[in-house]
N, C-alpha and C. Protein backbone atom coordinates (compact mmCIF):
# COMPACT_ATOMS: atom_id res chain seq x y z
N MET A 1 74.39 -64.17 24.82
CA MET A 1 74.58 -62.78 25.21
C MET A 1 72.96 -62.68 25.67
N GLY A 2 72.45 -62.13 26.52
CA GLY A 2 71.48 -61.69 27.07
C GLY A 2 70.61 -60.87 26.36
N ILE A 3 69.22 -60.69 26.51
CA ILE A 3 68.09 -59.95 25.51
C ILE A 3 68.25 -58.81 25.73
N LEU A 4 68.84 -58.13 27.37
CA LEU A 4 68.86 -56.85 27.11
C LEU A 4 70.26 -56.23 26.24
N SER A 5 71.16 -57.10 26.42
CA SER A 5 72.51 -56.37 25.47
C SER A 5 71.88 -56.49 23.97
N LYS A 6 71.16 -57.50 23.68
CA LYS A 6 70.57 -57.37 22.13
C LYS A 6 70.21 -56.14 21.85
N ILE A 7 69.18 -55.82 23.03
CA ILE A 7 68.46 -54.42 22.79
C ILE A 7 69.36 -53.33 22.51
N PHE A 8 70.12 -52.89 24.02
CA PHE A 8 70.66 -52.03 23.77
C PHE A 8 72.06 -51.88 23.19
N THR A 9 72.54 -52.93 23.11
CA THR A 9 74.40 -52.66 22.42
C THR A 9 74.16 -52.62 21.03
N TRP A 10 75.11 -52.15 20.24
CA TRP A 10 75.46 -52.04 18.71
C TRP A 10 76.68 -52.74 18.55
N TRP A 11 77.71 -52.46 19.62
CA TRP A 11 78.73 -52.53 18.99
C TRP A 11 79.66 -54.19 19.35
N ASP A 12 78.61 -54.98 19.80
CA ASP A 12 78.78 -56.47 19.92
C ASP A 12 78.00 -57.46 19.40
N GLY A 13 77.71 -57.71 17.67
CA GLY A 13 76.66 -58.16 17.17
C GLY A 13 75.59 -57.60 16.70
N ALA A 14 74.52 -58.18 16.32
CA ALA A 14 73.43 -57.41 15.78
C ALA A 14 72.63 -56.97 16.87
N THR A 15 71.99 -55.79 16.54
CA THR A 15 70.80 -55.48 17.50
C THR A 15 69.59 -56.33 17.29
N ILE A 16 68.46 -56.41 17.91
CA ILE A 16 67.15 -57.07 17.21
C ILE A 16 66.75 -56.13 16.43
N GLY A 17 66.52 -54.63 16.40
CA GLY A 17 66.29 -54.08 15.45
C GLY A 17 66.93 -54.65 14.26
N THR A 18 68.40 -54.54 14.01
CA THR A 18 68.91 -55.29 12.90
C THR A 18 68.16 -56.56 12.46
N SER A 19 68.57 -57.56 13.49
CA SER A 19 67.78 -58.88 13.11
C SER A 19 66.33 -58.84 12.29
N LEU A 20 65.63 -58.28 12.88
CA LEU A 20 64.08 -58.21 12.52
C LEU A 20 64.29 -57.61 10.91
N TRP A 21 65.17 -56.30 10.61
CA TRP A 21 65.10 -55.91 9.60
C TRP A 21 65.69 -56.73 8.42
N SER A 22 66.81 -57.73 9.18
CA SER A 22 67.09 -58.58 8.11
C SER A 22 66.34 -59.59 7.78
N ALA A 23 65.66 -60.30 8.75
CA ALA A 23 64.66 -61.16 8.46
C ALA A 23 63.36 -60.78 7.81
N ARG A 24 62.97 -59.57 7.86
CA ARG A 24 61.83 -59.07 7.01
C ARG A 24 62.00 -58.43 5.65
N ASN A 25 63.52 -57.83 5.58
CA ASN A 25 63.51 -57.15 4.19
C ASN A 25 64.97 -57.70 3.49
N GLY A 26 65.53 -58.43 4.06
CA GLY A 26 66.67 -59.15 3.69
C GLY A 26 66.84 -60.02 3.25
N GLU A 27 67.52 -60.87 2.05
CA GLU A 27 67.92 -62.05 1.47
C GLU A 27 69.20 -62.53 2.19
N HIS A 28 69.62 -63.71 2.70
CA HIS A 28 70.89 -64.05 3.16
C HIS A 28 71.43 -64.42 1.87
N VAL A 29 72.67 -63.92 1.70
CA VAL A 29 73.46 -64.29 0.47
C VAL A 29 74.26 -65.19 0.67
N GLY A 30 75.08 -65.17 2.24
CA GLY A 30 76.43 -65.91 1.80
C GLY A 30 76.66 -65.79 3.34
N THR A 31 77.51 -66.69 3.79
CA THR A 31 78.41 -66.47 4.94
C THR A 31 79.84 -67.02 4.60
N ASP A 32 80.98 -66.14 5.68
CA ASP A 32 82.03 -66.41 5.42
C ASP A 32 82.68 -67.23 6.23
N ALA A 33 84.09 -67.59 6.47
CA ALA A 33 84.66 -68.34 7.11
C ALA A 33 84.67 -68.25 8.90
N GLN A 34 84.36 -66.89 8.92
CA GLN A 34 84.33 -66.41 10.37
C GLN A 34 83.07 -66.48 10.91
N GLY A 35 82.07 -66.69 10.19
CA GLY A 35 80.74 -66.99 10.47
C GLY A 35 79.70 -65.53 9.92
N ASN A 36 80.24 -64.71 9.88
CA ASN A 36 79.51 -63.25 9.33
C ASN A 36 78.34 -63.42 8.47
N LYS A 37 77.51 -63.10 8.37
CA LYS A 37 76.28 -63.23 7.31
C LYS A 37 75.89 -62.41 6.69
N TYR A 38 76.08 -62.22 5.10
CA TYR A 38 75.96 -61.11 4.44
C TYR A 38 74.53 -61.27 3.86
N PHE A 39 73.91 -59.91 3.73
CA PHE A 39 72.24 -59.75 3.33
C PHE A 39 72.10 -58.98 1.89
N ARG A 40 71.53 -58.90 1.32
CA ARG A 40 70.94 -57.80 0.47
C ARG A 40 69.31 -57.65 0.60
N SER A 41 69.05 -56.68 0.32
CA SER A 41 67.58 -56.07 0.44
C SER A 41 66.84 -56.79 -0.66
N THR A 42 65.44 -56.88 -0.15
CA THR A 42 64.69 -57.64 -0.96
C THR A 42 63.11 -56.75 -1.09
N GLY A 43 63.15 -56.28 0.21
CA GLY A 43 61.90 -54.84 0.19
C GLY A 43 61.62 -53.79 -0.71
N LYS A 44 60.72 -53.19 -0.25
CA LYS A 44 60.17 -51.89 -0.82
C LYS A 44 61.76 -51.00 -0.96
N ASN A 45 62.41 -50.78 -0.39
CA ASN A 45 63.56 -50.14 -0.16
C ASN A 45 64.83 -50.75 -1.19
N VAL A 46 64.50 -51.39 -1.89
CA VAL A 46 65.60 -51.93 -2.76
C VAL A 46 66.88 -51.59 -2.79
N ARG A 47 66.79 -49.90 -3.45
CA ARG A 47 67.65 -49.37 -3.85
C ARG A 47 68.25 -47.97 -3.31
N THR A 48 69.60 -47.72 -3.23
CA THR A 48 69.86 -46.59 -2.40
C THR A 48 69.77 -45.56 -3.32
N THR A 49 70.07 -44.33 -2.77
CA THR A 49 69.95 -43.05 -3.57
C THR A 49 70.99 -43.02 -4.43
N GLU A 50 71.97 -43.82 -4.61
CA GLU A 50 73.06 -43.87 -5.87
C GLU A 50 72.33 -45.45 -6.65
N GLY A 51 71.37 -46.06 -6.59
CA GLY A 51 70.69 -46.79 -7.44
C GLY A 51 71.13 -48.13 -7.37
N TYR A 52 71.99 -48.21 -6.12
CA TYR A 52 72.71 -49.80 -5.83
C TYR A 52 71.19 -50.69 -5.01
N GLU A 53 71.80 -51.86 -4.47
CA GLU A 53 70.91 -52.66 -3.93
C GLU A 53 71.49 -52.28 -2.72
N ARG A 54 70.75 -52.32 -1.55
CA ARG A 54 71.37 -52.43 -0.39
C ARG A 54 71.93 -53.51 0.18
N ARG A 55 73.32 -53.65 0.50
CA ARG A 55 73.98 -54.56 1.09
C ARG A 55 74.65 -54.17 2.52
N TRP A 56 74.59 -55.61 3.36
CA TRP A 56 74.89 -55.27 4.53
C TRP A 56 75.73 -56.60 5.28
N VAL A 57 76.48 -56.65 6.37
CA VAL A 57 76.96 -57.87 7.12
C VAL A 57 76.03 -57.88 8.52
N MET A 58 76.16 -58.84 8.86
CA MET A 58 75.65 -59.12 10.53
C MET A 58 77.18 -59.57 11.11
N TYR A 59 77.80 -59.16 11.89
CA TYR A 59 78.82 -59.56 12.29
C TYR A 59 78.74 -60.81 13.42
N VAL A 60 79.85 -61.31 13.51
CA VAL A 60 79.99 -62.69 14.76
C VAL A 60 80.78 -62.00 15.54
N GLY A 61 79.95 -61.70 16.72
CA GLY A 61 81.24 -60.85 17.68
C GLY A 61 81.25 -59.42 17.62
N ALA A 62 82.67 -58.60 17.84
CA ALA A 62 82.58 -57.43 17.72
C ALA A 62 82.51 -56.92 16.51
N ASN A 63 81.61 -55.46 16.26
CA ASN A 63 81.41 -55.01 14.99
C ASN A 63 82.61 -54.48 14.50
N ASP A 64 83.25 -54.73 14.02
CA ASP A 64 84.54 -54.63 13.44
C ASP A 64 84.76 -54.64 11.60
N ALA A 65 84.95 -53.78 11.39
CA ALA A 65 85.16 -54.01 9.69
C ALA A 65 86.07 -54.69 9.03
N SER A 66 87.49 -54.41 9.94
CA SER A 66 88.67 -55.61 9.67
C SER A 66 87.93 -57.28 9.41
N ASN A 67 86.87 -57.56 10.34
CA ASN A 67 86.53 -58.79 10.42
C ASN A 67 85.69 -59.28 8.73
N VAL A 68 85.73 -58.22 7.83
CA VAL A 68 85.34 -58.63 6.61
C VAL A 68 86.26 -59.05 5.62
N PRO A 69 86.42 -60.18 4.99
CA PRO A 69 87.36 -60.67 3.97
C PRO A 69 87.42 -59.99 3.05
N SER A 70 88.42 -59.90 2.33
CA SER A 70 88.50 -58.66 1.08
C SER A 70 87.58 -59.32 -0.25
N GLU A 71 87.26 -60.65 -0.13
CA GLU A 71 86.33 -60.90 -1.11
C GLU A 71 85.32 -60.81 -0.69
N TRP A 72 84.25 -60.77 0.69
CA TRP A 72 83.39 -59.89 0.74
C TRP A 72 82.78 -58.59 1.00
N HIS A 73 84.12 -57.92 1.19
CA HIS A 73 84.50 -56.27 1.04
C HIS A 73 84.17 -55.98 -0.35
N GLY A 74 84.62 -56.29 -1.33
CA GLY A 74 84.43 -56.24 -2.62
C GLY A 74 82.78 -56.44 -3.22
N TRP A 75 81.99 -57.47 -2.44
CA TRP A 75 80.51 -57.67 -3.03
C TRP A 75 80.04 -56.32 -2.15
N LEU A 76 80.36 -56.33 -0.83
CA LEU A 76 79.38 -55.04 -0.21
C LEU A 76 79.28 -53.67 -0.94
N HIS A 77 80.66 -53.94 -1.56
CA HIS A 77 80.91 -52.47 -2.14
C HIS A 77 80.58 -52.45 -3.64
N HIS A 78 79.83 -53.45 -4.08
CA HIS A 78 79.20 -53.50 -5.45
C HIS A 78 80.50 -53.47 -6.26
N SER A 79 81.47 -54.12 -6.02
CA SER A 79 82.42 -54.65 -6.94
C SER A 79 82.37 -55.36 -8.18
N TYR A 80 81.19 -56.34 -7.42
CA TYR A 80 80.53 -57.46 -8.54
C TYR A 80 79.37 -57.69 -7.78
N ASN A 81 78.56 -58.42 -8.68
CA ASN A 81 77.21 -58.46 -8.17
C ASN A 81 77.14 -60.05 -7.89
N GLY A 82 77.70 -61.22 -7.88
CA GLY A 82 77.61 -62.38 -7.78
C GLY A 82 78.40 -62.84 -6.45
N VAL A 83 78.12 -63.91 -5.83
CA VAL A 83 78.52 -63.90 -4.65
C VAL A 83 79.98 -64.16 -4.82
N PRO A 84 81.09 -64.00 -3.74
CA PRO A 84 82.29 -63.68 -3.84
C PRO A 84 82.90 -65.33 -4.32
N GLU A 85 82.23 -66.51 -4.07
CA GLU A 85 82.68 -67.46 -4.58
C GLU A 85 82.93 -67.99 -6.03
N SER A 86 81.77 -67.25 -6.91
CA SER A 86 81.86 -67.45 -8.10
C SER A 86 82.94 -66.06 -8.81
N HIS A 87 83.48 -65.54 -7.98
CA HIS A 87 84.52 -64.51 -8.85
C HIS A 87 86.28 -64.58 -8.23
N LEU A 88 86.24 -65.85 -7.31
CA LEU A 88 87.33 -65.91 -6.64
C LEU A 88 88.22 -66.89 -7.28
N PRO A 89 89.85 -66.66 -7.71
CA PRO A 89 90.45 -67.70 -8.38
C PRO A 89 90.79 -68.65 -7.53
N PRO A 90 91.46 -69.87 -7.96
CA PRO A 90 91.76 -70.88 -6.90
C PRO A 90 92.77 -70.37 -6.02
N PRO A 91 92.45 -70.77 -4.67
CA PRO A 91 94.06 -70.17 -3.74
C PRO A 91 95.25 -70.86 -4.25
N ARG A 92 96.10 -69.82 -3.77
CA ARG A 92 97.54 -70.24 -4.37
C ARG A 92 98.43 -70.69 -3.06
N ILE A 93 99.10 -71.45 -3.69
CA ILE A 93 99.83 -72.57 -2.39
C ILE A 93 100.57 -71.73 -1.09
N TRP A 94 101.09 -70.35 -1.76
CA TRP A 94 101.51 -69.61 -0.61
C TRP A 94 100.63 -68.50 0.19
N GLU A 95 99.50 -68.73 -0.07
CA GLU A 95 98.30 -67.69 0.84
C GLU A 95 97.83 -68.42 1.84
N VAL A 96 97.97 -67.50 3.17
CA VAL A 96 97.52 -67.95 4.34
C VAL A 96 96.05 -67.39 4.59
N ASP A 97 95.63 -67.82 5.22
CA ASP A 97 94.45 -67.80 5.68
C ASP A 97 94.16 -66.34 6.62
N TYR A 98 93.01 -65.97 6.05
CA TYR A 98 92.48 -64.46 6.54
C TYR A 98 92.78 -64.00 8.07
N THR A 99 93.11 -62.88 8.53
CA THR A 99 93.31 -62.79 10.04
C THR A 99 92.71 -61.68 10.24
N PRO A 100 91.88 -61.19 11.08
CA PRO A 100 91.59 -59.66 11.49
C PRO A 100 92.61 -59.06 11.94
N ASN A 101 92.20 -58.07 11.87
CA ASN A 101 93.33 -56.91 12.19
C ASN A 101 93.65 -56.97 13.96
N ALA A 102 94.48 -57.02 14.30
CA ALA A 102 94.76 -57.40 15.78
C ALA A 102 94.88 -56.08 16.71
N THR A 103 95.26 -54.82 15.84
CA THR A 103 95.72 -53.47 16.53
C THR A 103 94.90 -53.20 17.78
N GLY A 104 95.41 -52.98 18.72
CA GLY A 104 94.41 -52.52 20.29
C GLY A 104 94.18 -53.95 20.93
N THR A 105 94.38 -54.93 20.32
CA THR A 105 94.21 -56.40 21.24
C THR A 105 95.14 -56.89 22.10
N VAL A 106 95.12 -57.85 22.55
CA VAL A 106 96.00 -58.57 23.51
C VAL A 106 97.13 -59.46 22.35
N THR A 107 96.51 -59.71 21.38
CA THR A 107 97.19 -60.56 20.63
C THR A 107 98.04 -59.97 19.56
N ALA A 108 97.98 -58.17 19.54
CA ALA A 108 98.44 -57.30 18.35
C ALA A 108 100.25 -57.56 18.44
N TYR A 109 101.01 -57.36 17.36
CA TYR A 109 102.35 -57.56 17.43
C TYR A 109 103.23 -56.26 18.15
N ARG A 110 103.87 -56.83 19.12
CA ARG A 110 104.74 -55.64 19.99
C ARG A 110 106.14 -56.00 19.81
N PRO A 111 106.84 -55.52 19.20
CA PRO A 111 108.42 -55.40 18.91
C PRO A 111 109.25 -55.48 20.16
N GLN A 112 110.43 -55.91 20.14
CA GLN A 112 111.32 -55.73 21.12
C GLN A 112 111.46 -54.65 21.87
N GLY A 113 111.24 -54.14 22.65
CA GLY A 113 111.76 -52.86 23.12
C GLY A 113 110.45 -51.95 23.41
N ALA A 114 109.25 -52.45 23.09
CA ALA A 114 107.75 -51.88 23.30
C ALA A 114 107.67 -52.21 24.93
N LEU A 115 107.10 -51.09 25.51
CA LEU A 115 106.62 -51.39 26.88
C LEU A 115 105.95 -52.28 27.38
N GLU A 116 104.85 -53.02 26.33
CA GLU A 116 104.04 -53.92 26.55
C GLU A 116 105.05 -55.46 26.77
N ARG A 117 106.17 -55.47 26.51
CA ARG A 117 106.94 -56.56 26.15
C ARG A 117 108.29 -56.24 27.27
N GLY A 118 108.40 -55.13 28.15
CA GLY A 118 108.87 -55.02 29.40
C GLY A 118 110.10 -53.67 29.15
N GLY A 119 109.94 -53.23 28.00
CA GLY A 119 110.51 -51.96 27.71
C GLY A 119 111.97 -51.76 27.69
N VAL A 120 112.68 -53.01 27.70
CA VAL A 120 113.94 -52.91 27.34
C VAL A 120 114.21 -52.93 25.84
N ARG A 121 115.19 -52.67 25.15
CA ARG A 121 115.53 -52.57 23.94
C ARG A 121 117.18 -53.01 24.04
N ALA A 122 117.02 -53.65 22.80
CA ALA A 122 118.52 -54.32 22.67
C ALA A 122 119.72 -53.10 22.77
N ALA A 123 121.13 -53.58 23.24
CA ALA A 123 121.83 -52.49 23.32
C ALA A 123 122.47 -52.13 22.12
N ALA A 124 123.33 -50.90 21.83
CA ALA A 124 123.44 -50.30 20.65
C ALA A 124 124.68 -51.10 20.52
N THR A 125 125.12 -51.62 19.15
CA THR A 125 126.01 -52.27 18.84
C THR A 125 127.13 -51.95 18.51
N GLY A 126 127.43 -50.11 18.58
CA GLY A 126 128.49 -49.68 18.20
C GLY A 126 128.85 -49.02 16.75
N ASP A 127 127.61 -49.45 15.99
CA ASP A 127 127.67 -48.98 14.51
C ASP A 127 126.93 -47.87 14.38
N TYR A 128 126.59 -47.34 15.45
CA TYR A 128 125.67 -45.79 15.54
C TYR A 128 126.68 -44.82 15.98
N GLU A 129 126.65 -43.79 15.12
CA GLU A 129 127.06 -42.42 15.69
C GLU A 129 126.48 -41.56 15.61
N ALA A 130 126.36 -40.66 16.63
CA ALA A 130 125.37 -39.78 17.27
C ALA A 130 125.57 -38.27 16.33
N TRP A 131 124.86 -37.88 15.71
CA TRP A 131 124.83 -36.46 15.10
C TRP A 131 124.97 -35.29 16.04
N SER A 132 126.20 -34.85 15.85
CA SER A 132 126.17 -33.34 16.60
C SER A 132 126.56 -32.22 15.72
N PRO A 133 125.98 -30.75 15.94
CA PRO A 133 126.28 -29.55 15.04
C PRO A 133 127.75 -29.42 14.77
N ASP A 134 128.23 -29.88 15.64
CA ASP A 134 129.95 -28.92 15.41
C ASP A 134 130.65 -30.05 14.21
N ALA A 135 130.02 -31.40 14.32
CA ALA A 135 131.06 -32.09 13.17
C ALA A 135 130.85 -31.68 11.83
């Protein structure tokens, strides 16, 4: 990513202002599996108006909140104070890896009959009877 896009864009990664703010006033707390970095404030502006410490995420790629895994979402919203690894139970055998929301992207789910898949739906099977007001 070029320097101009770092200066002027906010929707694809962190801007230079956010990077400078994080370097000056933030403490790196951890990184998730996608590479998103999580910070908390250490400078003069440590507390928000509600009395909590400031916490934020610097995304890798597009700034999309669905890219934050649930354990880090809980940390960002002050559900617990320690890093998520200290609060997570061991993974279950049936759990799958986290995937971000794909709605609106090329990889989104499209059922049969959707316009993006050709728009042809399955023929009626005969078990459907249309409603009519006379019946």
